[in-house]
Amino acid sequence: MELELLMLMNNNRMILCGDDSGEVDETNAILQALYKRMNEVIQEVCVRMRMEGSRVINADAISDRIMM
């Protein structure tokens, strides 16, 4: 649930940080903080899944499954 909220906040921030040509200013501090927290959440899920014996070890696959 936190990851979904972070993704929505990230999408909104990318719209605000974008210019007319569609390029996003990724040096924005809030945008960087959102990226950092999303990565932390995905890493926490990865660790929990490994501890429970899951065979999924790819963080991208886990993120995709969460956001289905």
PDB file of N, CA and C in Angstrom:
ATOM      1  N   MET A   1       0.824  -1.178   0.000  1.00  0.00           N
ATOM      2  CA  MET A   1       0.000   0.000   0.000  1.00  0.00           C
ATOM      3  C   MET A   1       0.876   1.253   0.000  1.00  0.00           C
ATOM      4  N   GLU A   2       1.939   1.222   0.775  1.00  0.00           N
ATOM      5  CA  GLU A   2       2.843   2.370   0.796  1.00  0.00           C
ATOM      6  C   GLU A   2       3.487   2.581  -0.568  1.00  0.00           C
ATOM      7  N   LEU A   3       3.827   1.492  -1.217  1.00  0.00           N
ATOM      8  CA  LEU A   3       4.459   1.588  -2.528  1.00  0.00           C
ATOM      9  C   LEU A   3       3.499   2.199  -3.549  1.00  0.00           C
ATOM     10  N   GLU A   4       2.237   1.832  -3.485  1.00  0.00           N
ATOM     11  CA  GLU A   4       1.250   2.417  -4.395  1.00  0.00           C
ATOM     12  C   GLU A   4       1.121   3.915  -4.173  1.00  0.00           C
ATOM     13  N   LEU A   5       1.101   4.326  -2.927  1.00  0.00           N
ATOM     14  CA  LEU A   5       1.014   5.748  -2.609  1.00  0.00           C
ATOM     15  C   LEU A   5       2.256   6.489  -3.099  1.00  0.00           C
ATOM     16  N   LEU A   6       3.415   5.892  -2.902  1.00  0.00           N
ATOM     17  CA  LEU A   6       4.655   6.503  -3.374  1.00  0.00           C
ATOM     18  C   LEU A   6       4.664   6.630  -4.904  1.00  0.00           C
ATOM     19  N   MET A   7       4.143   5.618  -5.586  1.00  0.00           N
ATOM     20  CA  MET A   7       4.086   5.674  -7.047  1.00  0.00           C
ATOM     21  C   MET A   7       3.166   6.805  -7.517  1.00  0.00           C
ATOM     22  N   LEU A   8       2.034   6.980  -6.853  1.00  0.00           N
ATOM     23  CA  LEU A   8       1.124   8.070  -7.210  1.00  0.00           C
ATOM     24  C   LEU A   8       1.774   9.429  -6.952  1.00  0.00           C
ATOM     25  N   MET A   9       2.432   9.545  -5.814  1.00  0.00           N
ATOM     26  CA  MET A   9       3.123  10.793  -5.504  1.00  0.00           C
ATOM     27  C   MET A   9       4.233  11.059  -6.512  1.00  0.00           C
ATOM     28  N   ASN A  10       4.935  10.005  -6.913  1.00  0.00           N
ATOM     29  CA  ASN A  10       5.999  10.126  -7.898  1.00  0.00           C
ATOM     30  C   ASN A  10       5.445  10.599  -9.244  1.00  0.00           C
ATOM     31  N   ASN A  11       4.321  10.024  -9.669  1.00  0.00           N
ATOM     32  CA  ASN A  11       3.719  10.434 -10.938  1.00  0.00           C
ATOM     33  C   ASN A  11       3.303  11.901 -10.912  1.00  0.00           C
ATOM     34  N   ASN A  12       2.713  12.319  -9.810  1.00  0.00           N
ATOM     35  CA  ASN A  12       2.309  13.722  -9.681  1.00  0.00           C
ATOM     36  C   ASN A  12       3.519  14.649  -9.676  1.00  0.00           C
ATOM     37  N   ARG A  13       4.570  14.258  -8.989  1.00  0.00           N
ATOM     38  CA  ARG A  13       5.774  15.089  -8.910  1.00  0.00           C
ATOM     39  C   ARG A  13       6.472  15.171 -10.268  1.00  0.00           C
ATOM     40  N   MET A  14       6.444  14.064 -11.016  1.00  0.00           N
ATOM     41  CA  MET A  14       7.065  14.084 -12.342  1.00  0.00           C
ATOM     42  C   MET A  14       6.345  15.053 -13.273  1.00  0.00           C
ATOM     43  N   ILE A  15       5.037  15.153 -13.129  1.00  0.00           N
ATOM     44  CA  ILE A  15       4.280  16.118 -13.928  1.00  0.00           C
ATOM     45  C   ILE A  15       4.683  17.537 -13.552  1.00  0.00           C
ATOM     46  N   LEU A  16       4.832  17.779 -12.245  1.00  0.00           N
ATOM     47  CA  LEU A  16       5.212  19.118 -11.788  1.00  0.00           C
ATOM     48  C   LEU A  16       6.641  19.473 -12.176  1.00  0.00           C
ATOM     49  N   CYS A  17       7.524  18.494 -12.233  1.00  0.00           N
ATOM     50  CA  CYS A  17       8.936  18.735 -12.534  1.00  0.00           C
ATOM     51  C   CYS A  17       9.240  18.683 -14.024  1.00  0.00           C
ATOM     52  N   GLY A  18       8.248  18.364 -14.831  1.00  0.00           N
ATOM     53  CA  GLY A  18       8.474  18.275 -16.261  1.00  0.00           C
ATOM     54  C   GLY A  18       8.359  19.637 -16.928  1.00  0.00           C
ATOM     55  N   ASP A  19       9.038  19.762 -18.059  1.00  0.00           N
ATOM     56  CA  ASP A  19       8.924  21.001 -18.819  1.00  0.00           C
ATOM     57  C   ASP A  19       8.034  20.764 -20.045  1.00  0.00           C
ATOM     58  N   ASP A  20       7.936  21.742 -20.899  1.00  0.00           N
ATOM     59  CA  ASP A  20       7.047  21.648 -22.056  1.00  0.00           C
ATOM     60  C   ASP A  20       7.446  20.566 -23.046  1.00  0.00           C
ATOM     61  N   SER A  21       8.725  20.234 -23.092  1.00  0.00           N
ATOM     62  CA  SER A  21       9.184  19.205 -24.030  1.00  0.00           C
ATOM     63  C   SER A  21       9.049  17.790 -23.463  1.00  0.00           C
ATOM     64  N   GLY A  22       8.598  17.666 -22.217  1.00  0.00           N
ATOM     65  CA  GLY A  22       8.388  16.358 -21.611  1.00  0.00           C
ATOM     66  C   GLY A  22       9.562  15.834 -20.813  1.00  0.00           C
ATOM     67  N   GLU A  23      10.641  16.601 -20.728  1.00  0.00           N
ATOM     68  CA  GLU A  23      11.793  16.173 -19.944  1.00  0.00           C
ATOM     69  C   GLU A  23      11.548  16.475 -18.463  1.00  0.00           C
ATOM     70  N   VAL A  24      11.961  15.528 -17.618  1.00  0.00           N
ATOM     71  CA  VAL A  24      11.751  15.659 -16.173  1.00  0.00           C
ATOM     72  C   VAL A  24      13.066  16.045 -15.515  1.00  0.00           C
ATOM     73  N   ASP A  25      13.002  17.036 -14.644  1.00  0.00           N
ATOM     74  CA  ASP A  25      14.180  17.456 -13.879  1.00  0.00           C
ATOM     75  C   ASP A  25      14.349  16.501 -12.706  1.00  0.00           C
ATOM     76  N   GLU A  26      15.247  15.536 -12.868  1.00  0.00           N
ATOM     77  CA  GLU A  26      15.413  14.508 -11.839  1.00  0.00           C
ATOM     78  C   GLU A  26      16.322  14.941 -10.704  1.00  0.00           C
ATOM     79  N   THR A  27      16.736  16.201 -10.700  1.00  0.00           N
ATOM     80  CA  THR A  27      17.533  16.714  -9.594  1.00  0.00           C
ATOM     81  C   THR A  27      16.650  17.266  -8.482  1.00  0.00           C
ATOM     82  N   ASN A  28      15.352  17.239  -8.673  1.00  0.00           N
ATOM     83  CA  ASN A  28      14.413  17.718  -7.660  1.00  0.00           C
ATOM     84  C   ASN A  28      14.557  16.874  -6.403  1.00  0.00           C
ATOM     85  N   ALA A  29      14.682  17.540  -5.260  1.00  0.00           N
ATOM     86  CA  ALA A  29      14.934  16.837  -3.992  1.00  0.00           C
ATOM     87  C   ALA A  29      13.772  15.928  -3.599  1.00  0.00           C
ATOM     88  N   ILE A  30      12.555  16.372  -3.814  1.00  0.00           N
ATOM     89  CA  ILE A  30      11.396  15.554  -3.450  1.00  0.00           C
ATOM     90  C   ILE A  30      11.327  14.320  -4.334  1.00  0.00           C
ATOM     91  N   LEU A  31      11.601  14.481  -5.613  1.00  0.00           N
ATOM     92  CA  LEU A  31      11.593  13.353  -6.539  1.00  0.00           C
ATOM     93  C   LEU A  31      12.662  12.334  -6.158  1.00  0.00           C
ATOM     94  N   GLN A  32      13.832  12.804  -5.774  1.00  0.00           N
ATOM     95  CA  GLN A  32      14.896  11.895  -5.344  1.00  0.00           C
ATOM     96  C   GLN A  32      14.524  11.169  -4.056  1.00  0.00           C
ATOM     97  N   ALA A  33      13.869  11.873  -3.138  1.00  0.00           N
ATOM     98  CA  ALA A  33      13.438  11.234  -1.892  1.00  0.00           C
ATOM     99  C   ALA A  33      12.390  10.159  -2.161  1.00  0.00           C
ATOM    100  N   LEU A  34      11.498  10.414  -3.112  1.00  0.00           N
ATOM    101  CA  LEU A  34      10.490   9.417  -3.475  1.00  0.00           C
ATOM    102  C   LEU A  34      11.151   8.179  -4.076  1.00  0.00           C
ATOM    103  N   TYR A  35      12.122   8.373  -4.992  1.00  0.00           N
ATOM    104  CA  TYR A  35      12.851   7.244  -5.575  1.00  0.00           C
ATOM    105  C   TYR A  35      13.544   6.432  -4.486  1.00  0.00           C
ATOM    106  N   LYS A  36      14.175   7.135  -3.562  1.00  0.00           N
ATOM    107  CA  LYS A  36      14.920   6.461  -2.494  1.00  0.00           C
ATOM    108  C   LYS A  36      13.982   5.617  -1.630  1.00  0.00           C
ATOM    109  N   ARG A  37      12.839   6.179  -1.256  1.00  0.00           N
ATOM    110  CA  ARG A  37      11.905   5.451  -0.399  1.00  0.00           C
ATOM    111  C   ARG A  37      11.280   4.264  -1.133  1.00  0.00           C
ATOM    112  N   MET A  38      10.980   4.429  -2.421  1.00  0.00           N
ATOM    113  CA  MET A  38      10.437   3.305  -3.189  1.00  0.00           C
ATOM    114  C   MET A  38      11.440   2.157  -3.235  1.00  0.00           C
ATOM    115  N   ASN A  39      12.702   2.488  -3.438  1.00  0.00           N
ATOM    116  CA  ASN A  39      13.741   1.448  -3.446  1.00  0.00           C
ATOM    117  C   ASN A  39      13.873   0.782  -2.086  1.00  0.00           C
ATOM    118  N   GLU A  40      13.764   1.557  -1.007  1.00  0.00           N
ATOM    119  CA  GLU A  40      13.846   0.988   0.339  1.00  0.00           C
ATOM    120  C   GLU A  40      12.698   0.018   0.586  1.00  0.00           C
ATOM    121  N   VAL A  41      11.496   0.382   0.169  1.00  0.00           N
ATOM    122  CA  VAL A  41      10.333  -0.488   0.373  1.00  0.00           C
ATOM    123  C   VAL A  41      10.502  -1.790  -0.410  1.00  0.00           C
ATOM    124  N   ILE A  42      10.951  -1.683  -1.653  1.00  0.00           N
ATOM    125  CA  ILE A  42      11.147  -2.883  -2.463  1.00  0.00           C
ATOM    126  C   ILE A  42      12.233  -3.765  -1.863  1.00  0.00           C
ATOM    127  N   GLN A  43      13.298  -3.168  -1.337  1.00  0.00           N
ATOM    128  CA  GLN A  43      14.352  -3.957  -0.700  1.00  0.00           C
ATOM    129  C   GLN A  43      13.842  -4.661   0.545  1.00  0.00           C
ATOM    130  N   GLU A  44      12.990  -3.986   1.332  1.00  0.00           N
ATOM    131  CA  GLU A  44      12.412  -4.611   2.524  1.00  0.00           C
ATOM    132  C   GLU A  44      11.563  -5.816   2.135  1.00  0.00           C
ATOM    133  N   VAL A  45      10.784  -5.672   1.063  1.00  0.00           N
ATOM    134  CA  VAL A  45       9.957  -6.789   0.598  1.00  0.00           C
ATOM    135  C   VAL A  45      10.842  -7.939   0.124  1.00  0.00           C
ATOM    136  N   CYS A  46      11.917  -7.609  -0.600  1.00  0.00           N
ATOM    137  CA  CYS A  46      12.849  -8.644  -1.067  1.00  0.00           C
ATOM    138  C   CYS A  46      13.432  -9.429   0.103  1.00  0.00           C
ATOM    139  N   VAL A  47      13.851  -8.727   1.123  1.00  0.00           N
ATOM    140  CA  VAL A  47      14.449  -9.388   2.288  1.00  0.00           C
ATOM    141  C   VAL A  47      13.433 -10.297   2.958  1.00  0.00           C
ATOM    142  N   ARG A  48      12.207  -9.813   3.125  1.00  0.00           N
ATOM    143  CA  ARG A  48      11.173 -10.637   3.756  1.00  0.00           C
ATOM    144  C   ARG A  48      10.861 -11.877   2.928  1.00  0.00           C
ATOM    145  N   MET A  49      10.806 -11.704   1.605  1.00  0.00           N
ATOM    146  CA  MET A  49      10.505 -12.846   0.744  1.00  0.00           C
ATOM    147  C   MET A  49      11.624 -13.881   0.792  1.00  0.00           C
ATOM    148  N   ARG A  50      12.860 -13.414   0.830  1.00  0.00           N
ATOM    149  CA  ARG A  50      13.990 -14.350   0.923  1.00  0.00           C
ATOM    150  C   ARG A  50      13.973 -15.089   2.253  1.00  0.00           C
ATOM    151  N   MET A  51      13.630 -14.382   3.312  1.00  0.00           N
ATOM    152  CA  MET A  51      13.585 -15.014   4.637  1.00  0.00           C
ATOM    153  C   MET A  51      12.487 -16.067   4.697  1.00  0.00           C
ATOM    154  N   GLU A  52      11.421 -15.871   3.922  1.00  0.00           N
ATOM    155  CA  GLU A  52      10.322 -16.828   3.913  1.00  0.00           C
ATOM    156  C   GLU A  52      10.529 -17.946   2.902  1.00  0.00           C
ATOM    157  N   GLY A  53      11.646 -17.897   2.177  1.00  0.00           N
ATOM    158  CA  GLY A  53      11.975 -18.980   1.263  1.00  0.00           C
ATOM    159  C   GLY A  53      11.461 -18.809  -0.150  1.00  0.00           C
ATOM    160  N   SER A  54      11.140 -17.611  -0.555  1.00  0.00           N
ATOM    161  CA  SER A  54      10.665 -17.385  -1.917  1.00  0.00           C
ATOM    162  C   SER A  54      11.816 -17.509  -2.905  1.00  0.00           C
ATOM    163  N   ARG A  55      11.513 -17.979  -4.105  1.00  0.00           N
ATOM    164  CA  ARG A  55      12.532 -18.118  -5.129  1.00  0.00           C
ATOM    165  C   ARG A  55      12.686 -16.848  -5.965  1.00  0.00           C
ATOM    166  N   VAL A  56      11.819 -15.887  -5.777  1.00  0.00           N
ATOM    167  CA  VAL A  56      11.898 -14.649  -6.545  1.00  0.00           C
ATOM    168  C   VAL A  56      12.987 -13.777  -5.919  1.00  0.00           C
ATOM    169  N   ILE A  57      14.035 -13.509  -6.699  1.00  0.00           N
ATOM    170  CA  ILE A  57      15.146 -12.715  -6.167  1.00  0.00           C
ATOM    171  C   ILE A  57      15.356 -11.427  -6.937  1.00  0.00           C
ATOM    172  N   ASN A  58      14.560 -11.200  -7.974  1.00  0.00           N
ATOM    173  CA  ASN A  58      14.698 -10.016  -8.798  1.00  0.00           C
ATOM    174  C   ASN A  58      13.789  -8.914  -8.257  1.00  0.00           C
ATOM    175  N   ALA A  59      14.367  -7.793  -7.879  1.00  0.00           N
ATOM    176  CA  ALA A  59      13.594  -6.695  -7.307  1.00  0.00           C
ATOM    177  C   ALA A  59      12.600  -6.126  -8.313  1.00  0.00           C
ATOM    178  N   ASP A  60      12.962  -6.109  -9.581  1.00  0.00           N
ATOM    179  CA  ASP A  60      12.038  -5.605 -10.596  1.00  0.00           C
ATOM    180  C   ASP A  60      10.812  -6.495 -10.723  1.00  0.00           C
ATOM    181  N   ALA A  61      11.012  -7.799 -10.644  1.00  0.00           N
ATOM    182  CA  ALA A  61       9.886  -8.730 -10.722  1.00  0.00           C
ATOM    183  C   ALA A  61       8.964  -8.555  -9.523  1.00  0.00           C
ATOM    184  N   ILE A  62       9.547  -8.347  -8.360  1.00  0.00           N
ATOM    185  CA  ILE A  62       8.745  -8.132  -7.159  1.00  0.00           C
ATOM    186  C   ILE A  62       7.944  -6.844  -7.289  1.00  0.00           C
ATOM    187  N   SER A  63       8.588  -5.790  -7.755  1.00  0.00           N
ATOM    188  CA  SER A  63       7.908  -4.503  -7.939  1.00  0.00           C
ATOM    189  C   SER A  63       6.757  -4.635  -8.935  1.00  0.00           C
ATOM    190  N   ASP A  64       6.998  -5.345 -10.031  1.00  0.00           N
ATOM    191  CA  ASP A  64       5.946  -5.539 -11.030  1.00  0.00           C
ATOM    192  C   ASP A  64       4.766  -6.306 -10.453  1.00  0.00           C
ATOM    193  N   ARG A  65       5.049  -7.317  -9.659  1.00  0.00           N
ATOM    194  CA  ARG A  65       3.960  -8.107  -9.067  1.00  0.00           C
ATOM    195  C   ARG A  65       3.165  -7.295  -8.055  1.00  0.00           C
ATOM    196  N   ILE A  66       3.836  -6.446  -7.308  1.00  0.00           N
ATOM    197  CA  ILE A  66       3.145  -5.619  -6.329  1.00  0.00           C
ATOM    198  C   ILE A  66       2.228  -4.621  -7.029  1.00  0.00           C
ATOM    199  N   MET A  67       2.718  -4.049  -8.122  1.00  0.00           N
ATOM    200  CA  MET A  67       1.985  -2.985  -8.797  1.00  0.00           C
ATOM    201  C   MET A  67       1.006  -3.482  -9.855  1.00  0.00           C
ATOM    202  N   MET A  68       0.734  -4.780  -9.933  1.00  0.00           N
ATOM    203  CA  MET A  68      -0.210  -5.320 -10.919  1.00  0.00           C
ATOM    204  C   MET A  68      -1.558  -4.704 -10.781  1.00  0.00           C
TER     205      MET A  68
END
